[in-house]
Amino acid sequence: MHKVIECRGQSFCVGEKDMSCNLDMAVFIDKNRYVWGLGEDLAIAMVESYEGNIETIMIPGTDFIMIFDEANTVVLAGHKYLFYDCLIMKSTEKGLKAIPADEIDAARNAFKKQTGRYQVGPFEFLAYRIS
C-alpha cells in the first residue's frame, strides 16, 4: 500500500514502511501555525523542494535546527523575521535527522520560546525573530 502526499506543489509517494508507527519525526509548522509531524524521508524531500532558497539556523541553546525557505523571511526595522512555514529537525554529526519522540516537546518549546509578538510602527505581528 502506498499513499501519495502533496507538499509545496509536489507529490510524494510514501511506502508502507514509512506509514508505520515510528514516532521519531520532524516538526513542521505551517503558515497558519499548525504543527505537523513528518517522517524523516518526507521531511528531507520537503527540504529538497526549497530549490536553492534554503536557510538554516540553530535554535539557541539546543541541537535543533530550523530549516525554511529564505523567500519566506521579511526584514523589518533592521531585523529578520520568519512568519512560520518552517521545519525543525535534529542536527547530528551525520546530518539532519528526525527528532526522537521523547524530544519533540522540547523542540516545540524551544521554537515557541524564540517566537514573540513584535511591533514595527503601527503593525503588530507574531513571528520567529532570526536576527
Protein backbone atom coordinates (compact mmCIF):
# COMPACT_ATOMS: atom_id res chain seq x y z
CA MET A 1 0.00 0.00 0.00
CA HIS A 2 1.25 3.48 -0.88
CA LYS A 3 -0.01 6.91 -0.02
CA VAL A 4 0.59 9.99 -2.12
CA ILE A 5 1.20 13.18 -0.16
CA GLU A 6 1.31 16.65 -1.67
CA CYS A 7 3.77 19.15 -0.28
CA ARG A 8 4.61 22.56 -1.73
CA GLY A 9 3.11 21.62 -5.09
CA GLN A 10 4.99 18.32 -5.36
CA SER A 11 3.61 14.81 -4.87
CA PHE A 12 5.48 12.27 -2.79
CA CYS A 13 4.76 8.57 -2.60
CA VAL A 14 5.11 7.13 0.88
CA GLY A 15 5.63 3.39 1.18
CA GLU A 16 4.10 1.09 3.75
CA LYS A 17 7.35 1.13 5.75
CA ASP A 18 7.07 4.92 6.15
CA MET A 19 3.47 4.69 7.37
CA SER A 20 4.48 2.67 10.41
CA CYS A 21 4.16 3.99 13.95
CA ASN A 22 7.73 5.27 14.20
CA LEU A 23 7.35 8.29 16.47
CA ASP A 24 10.65 9.93 15.53
CA MET A 25 9.69 12.83 13.30
CA ALA A 26 10.47 16.27 12.05
CA VAL A 27 8.23 19.08 13.23
CA PHE A 28 6.65 21.23 10.53
CA ILE A 29 4.93 24.48 11.46
CA ASP A 30 2.84 25.84 8.61
CA LYS A 31 1.80 29.42 7.84
CA ASN A 32 -1.37 29.01 9.89
CA ARG A 33 0.77 27.95 12.89
CA TYR A 34 -0.50 24.37 12.72
CA VAL A 35 2.08 21.85 13.92
CA TRP A 36 2.57 18.66 11.89
CA GLY A 37 4.78 15.63 12.37
CA LEU A 38 6.62 14.40 9.27
CA GLY A 39 8.61 11.22 8.78
CA GLU A 40 12.30 11.72 8.08
CA ASP A 41 12.09 10.81 4.37
CA LEU A 42 9.21 13.20 3.74
CA ALA A 43 10.97 15.95 5.71
CA ILE A 44 14.14 15.55 3.61
CA ALA A 45 12.03 15.64 0.43
CA MET A 46 10.44 18.84 1.68
CA VAL A 47 13.87 20.39 2.32
CA GLU A 48 14.86 19.49 -1.24
CA SER A 49 11.72 21.27 -2.51
CA TYR A 50 13.11 24.62 -1.32
CA GLU A 51 15.26 24.55 -4.50
CA GLY A 52 18.27 26.62 -3.50
CA ASN A 53 16.43 29.09 -1.27
CA ILE A 54 17.13 27.06 1.85
CA GLU A 55 18.22 28.79 5.02
CA THR A 56 19.01 27.12 8.31
CA ILE A 57 19.58 28.38 11.83
CA MET A 58 20.17 26.61 15.11
CA ILE A 59 17.52 27.21 17.75
CA PRO A 60 19.53 28.81 20.58
CA GLY A 61 20.59 26.51 23.40
CA THR A 62 19.57 23.32 21.56
CA ASP A 63 20.77 20.91 18.91
CA PHE A 64 17.60 21.51 16.88
CA ILE A 65 17.90 23.18 13.53
CA MET A 66 15.21 25.23 11.86
CA ILE A 67 15.02 24.89 8.10
CA PHE A 68 12.99 27.25 5.95
CA ASP A 69 12.66 28.85 2.55
CA GLU A 70 14.60 32.12 2.65
CA ALA A 71 11.93 33.67 0.42
CA ASN A 72 9.51 33.42 3.38
CA THR A 73 11.51 35.82 5.56
CA VAL A 74 10.83 39.52 6.00
CA VAL A 75 13.26 42.25 7.06
CA LEU A 76 11.62 45.00 9.11
CA ALA A 77 13.37 47.75 11.06
CA GLY A 78 16.73 46.04 10.55
CA HIS A 79 15.63 42.65 11.91
CA LYS A 80 14.83 39.46 10.01
CA TYR A 81 11.61 37.57 10.84
CA LEU A 82 10.02 34.32 9.78
CA PHE A 83 6.24 34.04 9.82
CA TYR A 84 6.29 30.28 10.32
CA ASP A 85 6.34 27.73 7.45
CA CYS A 86 9.44 26.02 8.77
CA LEU A 87 10.75 22.56 9.55
CA ILE A 88 12.56 21.61 12.75
CA MET A 89 14.93 18.65 12.77
CA LYS A 90 17.81 17.38 14.86
CA SER A 91 21.31 18.37 13.80
CA THR A 92 23.77 15.49 14.21
CA GLU A 93 27.30 14.69 13.07
CA LYS A 94 25.71 12.57 10.34
CA GLY A 95 23.40 15.35 9.12
CA LEU A 96 19.72 16.09 9.59
CA LYS A 97 17.70 13.50 11.48
CA ALA A 98 14.15 13.14 12.72
CA ILE A 99 13.64 14.21 16.31
CA PRO A 100 13.35 11.32 18.79
CA ALA A 101 9.84 11.02 20.22
CA ASP A 102 10.96 11.97 23.72
CA GLU A 103 12.46 15.27 22.46
CA ILE A 104 9.60 16.53 20.29
CA ASP A 105 8.05 18.62 23.07
CA ALA A 106 11.46 20.13 23.81
CA ALA A 107 11.84 21.11 20.13
CA ARG A 108 8.38 22.70 20.03
CA ASN A 109 9.02 24.58 23.28
CA ALA A 110 12.43 25.82 22.10
CA PHE A 111 10.80 27.18 18.94
CA LYS A 112 7.96 28.71 20.92
CA LYS A 113 10.43 30.39 23.30
CA GLN A 114 12.06 32.19 20.35
CA THR A 115 8.72 33.28 18.89
CA GLY A 116 7.20 36.52 20.01
CA ARG A 117 4.82 39.33 19.35
CA TYR A 118 6.63 42.27 17.75
CA GLN A 119 5.60 45.76 16.80
CA VAL A 120 7.04 47.83 13.98
CA GLY A 121 5.34 51.19 13.72
CA PRO A 122 1.59 50.65 13.88
CA PHE A 123 1.89 46.97 12.92
CA GLU A 124 1.97 44.12 15.43
CA PHE A 125 2.76 40.56 14.38
CA LEU A 126 3.68 37.14 15.73
CA ALA A 127 6.92 35.73 14.29
CA TYR A 128 10.23 33.98 14.91
CA ARG A 129 12.96 36.64 15.09
CA ILE A 130 16.01 35.39 13.21
CA SER A 131 18.29 38.43 13.69
